[in-house]
């Protein structure tokens, strides 16, 4: 019985440990470097951090110009924040068209992909929620 308790305690300890490692640019995954070069040409990568939390792995990238990108364990983008307009190429076309049509005087500063939705934040602080296909769902507070 004590072995089960010890094993459970060890498993909890091992899976609850979060470890962040700053990677040299050369060790940042190629998929991430390619994404940055394609969508943020001319922006220097200032930092690439690998976060390991139990079995979950993600990457956080900081670019010059105050852009912060987050990638999941498959090295796919799932969050982008900036103090300036995000490049059109990082926003799904349907979502971008909706914003250009309904908020022509605003710019997108943040895009976030969750399991079932994607959200954007505009420079006027309005947050718009879309489904994964880009269909508008609601305005969030």
N, C-alpha and C. Protein backbone atom coordinates (compact mmCIF):
# COMPACT_ATOMS: atom_id res chain seq x y z
N UNK A 1 0.82 -1.19 0.00
CA UNK A 1 0.00 0.00 0.00
C UNK A 1 0.86 1.26 0.00
N UNK A 2 1.97 1.24 0.76
CA UNK A 2 2.86 2.39 0.81
C UNK A 2 3.51 2.66 -0.54
N UNK A 3 3.74 1.59 -1.33
CA UNK A 3 4.34 1.77 -2.65
C UNK A 3 3.43 2.57 -3.56
N UNK A 4 2.14 2.34 -3.47
CA UNK A 4 1.18 3.09 -4.29
C UNK A 4 1.22 4.56 -3.91
N UNK A 5 1.25 4.86 -2.63
CA UNK A 5 1.30 6.23 -2.15
C UNK A 5 2.59 6.91 -2.61
N UNK A 6 3.71 6.21 -2.47
CA UNK A 6 5.00 6.77 -2.89
C UNK A 6 5.01 7.01 -4.39
N UNK A 7 4.50 6.07 -5.18
CA UNK A 7 4.45 6.23 -6.63
C UNK A 7 3.56 7.41 -7.01
N UNK A 8 2.40 7.52 -6.37
CA UNK A 8 1.49 8.64 -6.66
C UNK A 8 2.15 9.97 -6.32
N UNK A 9 2.84 10.04 -5.22
CA UNK A 9 3.54 11.25 -4.81
C UNK A 9 4.64 11.61 -5.80
N UNK A 10 5.40 10.62 -6.22
CA UNK A 10 6.47 10.86 -7.20
C UNK A 10 5.90 11.33 -8.53
N UNK A 11 4.82 10.69 -8.97
CA UNK A 11 4.19 11.06 -10.23
C UNK A 11 3.67 12.48 -10.17
N UNK A 12 3.05 12.85 -9.07
CA UNK A 12 2.54 14.21 -8.89
C UNK A 12 3.69 15.21 -8.91
N UNK A 13 4.76 14.90 -8.25
CA UNK A 13 5.91 15.79 -8.20
C UNK A 13 6.53 15.95 -9.59
N UNK A 14 6.66 14.85 -10.31
CA UNK A 14 7.28 14.91 -11.64
C UNK A 14 6.40 15.65 -12.63
N UNK A 15 5.10 15.48 -12.58
CA UNK A 15 4.22 16.09 -13.57
C UNK A 15 3.84 17.51 -13.22
N UNK A 16 4.08 17.94 -11.98
CA UNK A 16 3.71 19.30 -11.62
C UNK A 16 4.89 20.26 -11.72
N UNK A 17 6.05 19.76 -12.06
CA UNK A 17 7.23 20.60 -12.19
C UNK A 17 7.19 21.35 -13.51
N UNK A 18 7.33 22.65 -13.41
CA UNK A 18 7.39 23.46 -14.62
C UNK A 18 8.83 23.89 -14.81
N UNK A 19 9.30 23.77 -16.03
CA UNK A 19 10.68 24.13 -16.33
C UNK A 19 10.69 24.97 -17.59
N UNK A 20 11.30 26.13 -17.50
CA UNK A 20 11.47 27.01 -18.65
C UNK A 20 12.93 27.06 -19.01
N UNK A 21 13.20 26.91 -20.30
CA UNK A 21 14.57 26.93 -20.79
C UNK A 21 14.66 27.94 -21.92
N UNK A 22 15.59 28.88 -21.81
CA UNK A 22 15.83 29.82 -22.91
C UNK A 22 16.72 29.11 -23.91
N UNK A 23 16.24 29.04 -25.15
CA UNK A 23 16.97 28.35 -26.21
C UNK A 23 17.78 29.34 -27.03
N UNK A 24 18.98 28.95 -27.41
CA UNK A 24 19.74 29.74 -28.37
C UNK A 24 18.95 29.75 -29.67
N UNK A 25 19.11 30.79 -30.46
CA UNK A 25 18.35 30.89 -31.71
C UNK A 25 18.55 29.65 -32.58
N UNK A 26 19.75 29.09 -32.56
CA UNK A 26 20.03 27.90 -33.34
C UNK A 26 19.29 26.67 -32.85
N UNK A 27 18.86 26.66 -31.59
CA UNK A 27 18.15 25.52 -31.03
C UNK A 27 16.64 25.70 -31.02
N UNK A 28 16.18 26.88 -31.43
CA UNK A 28 14.74 27.10 -31.55
C UNK A 28 14.25 26.22 -32.70
N UNK A 29 13.13 25.50 -32.52
CA UNK A 29 12.67 24.58 -33.57
C UNK A 29 12.53 25.24 -34.95
N UNK A 30 12.90 24.51 -35.98
CA UNK A 30 12.88 25.02 -37.35
C UNK A 30 11.49 25.49 -37.76
N UNK A 31 10.44 24.78 -37.33
CA UNK A 31 9.07 25.17 -37.70
C UNK A 31 8.74 26.56 -37.16
N UNK A 32 9.23 26.85 -35.98
CA UNK A 32 8.97 28.16 -35.38
C UNK A 32 9.76 29.24 -36.10
N UNK A 33 11.03 28.96 -36.38
CA UNK A 33 11.84 29.94 -37.11
C UNK A 33 11.25 30.23 -38.49
N UNK A 34 10.77 29.19 -39.16
CA UNK A 34 10.16 29.37 -40.49
C UNK A 34 8.91 30.23 -40.39
N UNK A 35 8.07 29.98 -39.38
CA UNK A 35 6.85 30.78 -39.18
C UNK A 35 7.21 32.25 -38.98
N UNK A 36 8.18 32.52 -38.12
CA UNK A 36 8.58 33.89 -37.83
C UNK A 36 9.13 34.56 -39.09
N UNK A 37 10.00 33.88 -39.83
CA UNK A 37 10.58 34.45 -41.04
C UNK A 37 9.52 34.75 -42.08
N UNK A 38 8.50 33.89 -42.19
CA UNK A 38 7.44 34.07 -43.19
C UNK A 38 6.50 35.22 -42.82
N UNK A 39 6.06 35.27 -41.57
CA UNK A 39 5.02 36.23 -41.17
C UNK A 39 5.56 37.52 -40.57
N UNK A 40 6.79 37.50 -40.10
CA UNK A 40 7.39 38.68 -39.48
C UNK A 40 8.76 38.96 -40.10
N UNK A 41 8.81 39.11 -41.43
CA UNK A 41 10.12 39.32 -42.06
C UNK A 41 10.79 40.59 -41.53
N UNK A 42 12.07 40.48 -41.28
CA UNK A 42 12.82 41.62 -40.79
C UNK A 42 12.75 41.83 -39.29
N UNK A 43 11.91 41.06 -38.60
CA UNK A 43 11.82 41.17 -37.14
C UNK A 43 12.77 40.15 -36.51
N UNK A 44 13.67 40.64 -35.69
CA UNK A 44 14.65 39.77 -35.06
C UNK A 44 14.03 39.01 -33.90
N UNK A 45 14.37 37.73 -33.78
CA UNK A 45 13.93 36.92 -32.65
C UNK A 45 14.82 37.27 -31.46
N UNK A 46 14.21 37.83 -30.41
CA UNK A 46 14.96 38.23 -29.24
C UNK A 46 15.10 37.11 -28.22
N UNK A 47 14.09 36.22 -28.19
CA UNK A 47 14.13 35.14 -27.21
C UNK A 47 13.20 34.01 -27.65
N UNK A 48 13.64 32.79 -27.41
CA UNK A 48 12.83 31.59 -27.65
C UNK A 48 12.90 30.77 -26.37
N UNK A 49 11.73 30.55 -25.76
CA UNK A 49 11.67 29.85 -24.47
C UNK A 49 10.86 28.57 -24.64
N UNK A 50 11.41 27.48 -24.15
CA UNK A 50 10.69 26.21 -24.14
C UNK A 50 10.19 25.99 -22.72
N UNK A 51 8.86 25.87 -22.58
CA UNK A 51 8.25 25.61 -21.29
C UNK A 51 7.78 24.17 -21.24
N UNK A 52 8.21 23.46 -20.21
CA UNK A 52 7.79 22.07 -20.01
C UNK A 52 7.06 22.03 -18.68
N UNK A 53 5.80 21.60 -18.71
CA UNK A 53 5.00 21.47 -17.51
C UNK A 53 4.41 20.07 -17.50
N UNK A 54 5.08 19.16 -16.83
CA UNK A 54 4.65 17.76 -16.88
C UNK A 54 4.84 17.22 -18.28
N UNK A 55 3.75 16.78 -18.88
CA UNK A 55 3.80 16.25 -20.25
C UNK A 55 3.50 17.32 -21.29
N UNK A 56 3.14 18.51 -20.85
CA UNK A 56 2.80 19.60 -21.76
C UNK A 56 4.05 20.42 -22.09
N UNK A 57 4.23 20.71 -23.36
CA UNK A 57 5.37 21.50 -23.83
C UNK A 57 4.83 22.62 -24.70
N UNK A 58 5.33 23.82 -24.48
CA UNK A 58 5.01 24.90 -25.41
C UNK A 58 6.22 25.82 -25.53
N UNK A 59 6.13 26.72 -26.49
CA UNK A 59 7.24 27.61 -26.80
C UNK A 59 6.71 29.04 -26.81
N UNK A 60 7.52 29.93 -26.28
CA UNK A 60 7.18 31.35 -26.30
C UNK A 60 8.32 32.08 -27.00
N UNK A 61 7.95 32.91 -27.97
CA UNK A 61 8.94 33.63 -28.75
C UNK A 61 8.67 35.12 -28.62
N UNK A 62 9.72 35.87 -28.36
CA UNK A 62 9.63 37.32 -28.29
C UNK A 62 10.39 37.88 -29.48
N UNK A 63 9.71 38.77 -30.23
CA UNK A 63 10.31 39.40 -31.40
C UNK A 63 10.50 40.89 -31.15
N UNK A 64 11.43 41.48 -31.87
CA UNK A 64 11.56 42.92 -31.77
C UNK A 64 10.26 43.54 -32.29
N UNK A 65 9.95 44.71 -31.80
CA UNK A 65 8.69 45.35 -32.15
C UNK A 65 7.59 44.98 -31.16
N UNK A 66 7.98 44.35 -30.05
CA UNK A 66 7.03 43.98 -28.99
C UNK A 66 5.97 42.99 -29.43
N UNK A 67 6.39 41.96 -30.14
CA UNK A 67 5.49 40.86 -30.49
C UNK A 67 5.85 39.65 -29.64
N UNK A 68 4.82 38.95 -29.14
CA UNK A 68 5.00 37.73 -28.36
C UNK A 68 4.16 36.65 -29.01
N UNK A 69 4.80 35.53 -29.36
CA UNK A 69 4.13 34.42 -30.02
C UNK A 69 4.21 33.19 -29.13
N UNK A 70 3.14 32.40 -29.12
CA UNK A 70 3.14 31.15 -28.37
C UNK A 70 2.80 30.01 -29.31
N UNK A 71 3.56 28.93 -29.18
CA UNK A 71 3.38 27.74 -30.01
C UNK A 71 3.11 26.56 -29.10
N UNK A 72 2.26 25.63 -29.57
CA UNK A 72 1.95 24.44 -28.77
C UNK A 72 3.04 23.38 -28.95
N UNK A 73 2.83 22.21 -28.34
CA UNK A 73 3.86 21.16 -28.38
C UNK A 73 4.10 20.64 -29.80
N UNK A 74 3.12 20.85 -30.70
CA UNK A 74 3.30 20.46 -32.11
C UNK A 74 3.97 21.56 -32.91
N UNK A 75 4.37 22.62 -32.20
CA UNK A 75 5.04 23.77 -32.80
C UNK A 75 4.13 24.54 -33.75
N UNK A 76 2.83 24.54 -33.43
CA UNK A 76 1.82 25.29 -34.19
C UNK A 76 1.46 26.54 -33.38
N UNK A 77 1.29 27.64 -34.07
CA UNK A 77 0.98 28.90 -33.40
C UNK A 77 -0.40 28.82 -32.74
N UNK A 78 -0.51 29.34 -31.49
CA UNK A 78 -1.82 29.38 -30.87
C UNK A 78 -2.10 30.71 -30.15
N UNK A 79 -1.12 31.62 -30.17
CA UNK A 79 -1.37 32.94 -29.58
C UNK A 79 -0.34 33.91 -30.12
N UNK A 80 -0.83 35.11 -30.48
CA UNK A 80 0.05 36.18 -30.94
C UNK A 80 -0.43 37.47 -30.31
N UNK A 81 0.50 38.21 -29.71
CA UNK A 81 0.18 39.51 -29.12
C UNK A 81 1.18 40.52 -29.62
N UNK A 82 0.70 41.73 -29.85
CA UNK A 82 1.59 42.80 -30.25
C UNK A 82 1.11 44.14 -29.75
N UNK A 83 2.01 45.08 -29.69
CA UNK A 83 1.63 46.45 -29.37
C UNK A 83 1.31 47.22 -30.64
N UNK A 84 1.67 46.62 -31.77
CA UNK A 84 1.38 47.18 -33.08
C UNK A 84 0.47 46.21 -33.82
N UNK A 85 -0.01 46.63 -34.97
CA UNK A 85 -0.88 45.80 -35.80
C UNK A 85 -0.21 44.46 -36.11
N UNK A 86 -0.96 43.37 -35.95
CA UNK A 86 -0.45 42.07 -36.35
C UNK A 86 -0.46 41.98 -37.87
N UNK A 87 0.48 41.26 -38.46
CA UNK A 87 0.46 41.09 -39.92
C UNK A 87 -0.83 40.38 -40.36
N UNK A 88 -1.40 40.82 -41.46
CA UNK A 88 -2.62 40.19 -41.98
C UNK A 88 -2.43 38.69 -42.19
N UNK A 89 -1.23 38.28 -42.54
CA UNK A 89 -0.98 36.88 -42.87
C UNK A 89 -1.14 35.93 -41.68
N UNK A 90 -1.14 36.46 -40.44
CA UNK A 90 -1.27 35.58 -39.27
C UNK A 90 -2.73 35.42 -38.84
N UNK A 91 -3.64 36.17 -39.45
CA UNK A 91 -5.05 36.12 -39.10
C UNK A 91 -5.78 35.29 -40.15
N UNK A 92 -6.59 34.31 -39.73
CA UNK A 92 -7.35 33.53 -40.71
C UNK A 92 -8.16 34.47 -41.62
N UNK A 93 -8.16 34.22 -42.94
CA UNK A 93 -8.80 35.14 -43.89
C UNK A 93 -10.25 35.49 -43.58
N UNK A 94 -11.05 34.54 -43.14
CA UNK A 94 -12.46 34.82 -42.83
C UNK A 94 -12.57 35.81 -41.67
N UNK A 95 -11.74 35.63 -40.66
CA UNK A 95 -11.73 36.53 -39.51
C UNK A 95 -11.24 37.92 -39.93
N UNK A 96 -10.20 37.96 -40.71
CA UNK A 96 -9.66 39.23 -41.20
C UNK A 96 -10.69 39.98 -42.02
N UNK A 97 -11.41 39.29 -42.90
CA UNK A 97 -12.46 39.93 -43.70
C UNK A 97 -13.57 40.49 -42.82
N UNK A 98 -13.95 39.75 -41.77
CA UNK A 98 -14.99 40.22 -40.86
C UNK A 98 -14.54 41.53 -40.19
N UNK A 99 -13.31 41.57 -39.73
CA UNK A 99 -12.81 42.76 -39.05
C UNK A 99 -12.72 43.93 -40.03
N UNK A 100 -12.21 43.69 -41.21
CA UNK A 100 -12.09 44.78 -42.19
C UNK A 100 -13.46 45.34 -42.57
N UNK A 101 -14.48 44.48 -42.62
CA UNK A 101 -15.83 44.91 -42.98
C UNK A 101 -16.52 45.63 -41.83
N UNK A 102 -16.41 45.09 -40.63
CA UNK A 102 -17.18 45.61 -39.49
C UNK A 102 -16.42 46.58 -38.60
N UNK A 103 -15.10 46.57 -38.68
CA UNK A 103 -14.27 47.47 -37.86
C UNK A 103 -13.15 48.05 -38.72
N UNK A 104 -13.52 48.77 -39.79
CA UNK A 104 -12.50 49.21 -40.76
C UNK A 104 -11.49 50.21 -40.19
N UNK A 105 -11.80 50.85 -39.09
CA UNK A 105 -10.89 51.84 -38.52
C UNK A 105 -10.05 51.29 -37.38
N UNK A 106 -10.13 49.99 -37.16
CA UNK A 106 -9.40 49.37 -36.06
C UNK A 106 -8.38 48.37 -36.58
N UNK A 107 -7.42 48.05 -35.71
CA UNK A 107 -6.41 47.06 -36.06
C UNK A 107 -6.44 45.92 -35.04
N UNK A 108 -5.96 44.77 -35.46
CA UNK A 108 -5.91 43.59 -34.59
C UNK A 108 -4.56 43.58 -33.87
N UNK A 109 -4.63 43.50 -32.52
CA UNK A 109 -3.43 43.47 -31.70
C UNK A 109 -3.15 42.10 -31.10
N UNK A 110 -4.17 41.22 -31.11
CA UNK A 110 -4.00 39.91 -30.49
C UNK A 110 -4.89 38.88 -31.17
N UNK A 111 -4.36 37.68 -31.32
CA UNK A 111 -5.12 36.53 -31.84
C UNK A 111 -4.81 35.35 -30.94
N UNK A 112 -5.87 34.63 -30.53
CA UNK A 112 -5.70 33.50 -29.63
C UNK A 112 -6.55 32.34 -30.10
N UNK A 113 -5.96 31.17 -30.18
CA UNK A 113 -6.66 29.96 -30.59
C UNK A 113 -6.82 29.05 -29.40
N UNK A 114 -8.07 28.74 -29.07
CA UNK A 114 -8.37 27.78 -28.01
C UNK A 114 -8.89 26.51 -28.65
N UNK A 115 -9.36 25.58 -27.85
CA UNK A 115 -9.81 24.29 -28.38
C UNK A 115 -10.96 24.44 -29.38
N UNK A 116 -11.96 25.26 -29.06
CA UNK A 116 -13.15 25.35 -29.90
C UNK A 116 -13.40 26.73 -30.47
N UNK A 117 -12.58 27.70 -30.09
CA UNK A 117 -12.81 29.07 -30.54
C UNK A 117 -11.48 29.76 -30.84
N UNK A 118 -11.61 30.88 -31.52
CA UNK A 118 -10.47 31.79 -31.68
C UNK A 118 -10.97 33.18 -31.34
N UNK A 119 -10.10 33.94 -30.73
CA UNK A 119 -10.46 35.28 -30.29
C UNK A 119 -9.45 36.28 -30.83
N UNK A 120 -9.94 37.48 -31.09
CA UNK A 120 -9.04 38.57 -31.45
C UNK A 120 -9.35 39.76 -30.56
N UNK A 121 -8.33 40.57 -30.35
CA UNK A 121 -8.51 41.81 -29.60
C UNK A 121 -8.12 42.96 -30.53
N UNK A 122 -8.99 43.95 -30.59
CA UNK A 122 -8.74 45.12 -31.42
C UNK A 122 -8.10 46.23 -30.60
N UNK A 123 -7.60 47.24 -31.28
CA UNK A 123 -6.95 48.36 -30.60
C UNK A 123 -7.93 49.20 -29.78
N UNK A 124 -9.24 49.02 -29.97
CA UNK A 124 -10.23 49.72 -29.15
C UNK A 124 -10.68 48.87 -27.96
N UNK A 125 -9.94 47.79 -27.71
CA UNK A 125 -10.14 46.85 -26.60
C UNK A 125 -11.34 45.92 -26.77
N UNK A 126 -12.00 45.97 -27.89
CA UNK A 126 -13.09 45.02 -28.15
C UNK A 126 -12.49 43.66 -28.46
N UNK A 127 -13.06 42.62 -27.86
CA UNK A 127 -12.63 41.26 -28.13
C UNK A 127 -13.74 40.54 -28.88
N UNK A 128 -13.39 39.99 -30.03
CA UNK A 128 -14.34 39.28 -30.88
C UNK A 128 -14.04 37.79 -30.82
N UNK A 129 -15.10 36.99 -30.74
CA UNK A 129 -14.95 35.54 -30.63
C UNK A 129 -15.53 34.90 -31.88
N UNK A 130 -14.78 33.95 -32.44
CA UNK A 130 -15.15 33.23 -33.65
C UNK A 130 -15.04 31.73 -33.39
N UNK A 131 -15.76 30.94 -34.17
CA UNK A 131 -15.54 29.49 -34.08
C UNK A 131 -14.28 29.16 -34.88
N UNK A 132 -13.94 27.90 -34.93
CA UNK A 132 -12.70 27.50 -35.59
C UNK A 132 -12.74 27.71 -37.10
N UNK A 133 -13.94 27.81 -37.67
CA UNK A 133 -14.08 28.06 -39.10
C UNK A 133 -14.06 29.55 -39.43
N UNK A 134 -14.06 30.40 -38.39
CA UNK A 134 -14.03 31.83 -38.60
C UNK A 134 -15.39 32.49 -38.57
N UNK A 135 -16.43 31.76 -38.19
CA UNK A 135 -17.77 32.35 -38.09
C UNK A 135 -17.85 33.16 -36.80
N UNK A 136 -18.34 34.41 -36.93
CA UNK A 136 -18.45 35.28 -35.76
C UNK A 136 -19.46 34.71 -34.78
N UNK A 137 -19.09 34.69 -33.49
CA UNK A 137 -19.97 34.18 -32.44
C UNK A 137 -20.49 35.30 -31.52
N UNK A 138 -19.57 36.15 -31.04
CA UNK A 138 -19.99 37.17 -30.07
C UNK A 138 -18.86 38.16 -29.80
N UNK A 139 -19.24 39.22 -29.10
CA UNK A 139 -18.27 40.17 -28.55
C UNK A 139 -18.08 39.81 -27.09
N UNK A 140 -16.83 39.72 -26.64
CA UNK A 140 -16.53 39.44 -25.24
C UNK A 140 -16.19 40.74 -24.53
N UNK A 141 -16.39 40.73 -23.24
CA UNK A 141 -16.02 41.91 -22.44
C UNK A 141 -14.58 41.83 -22.01
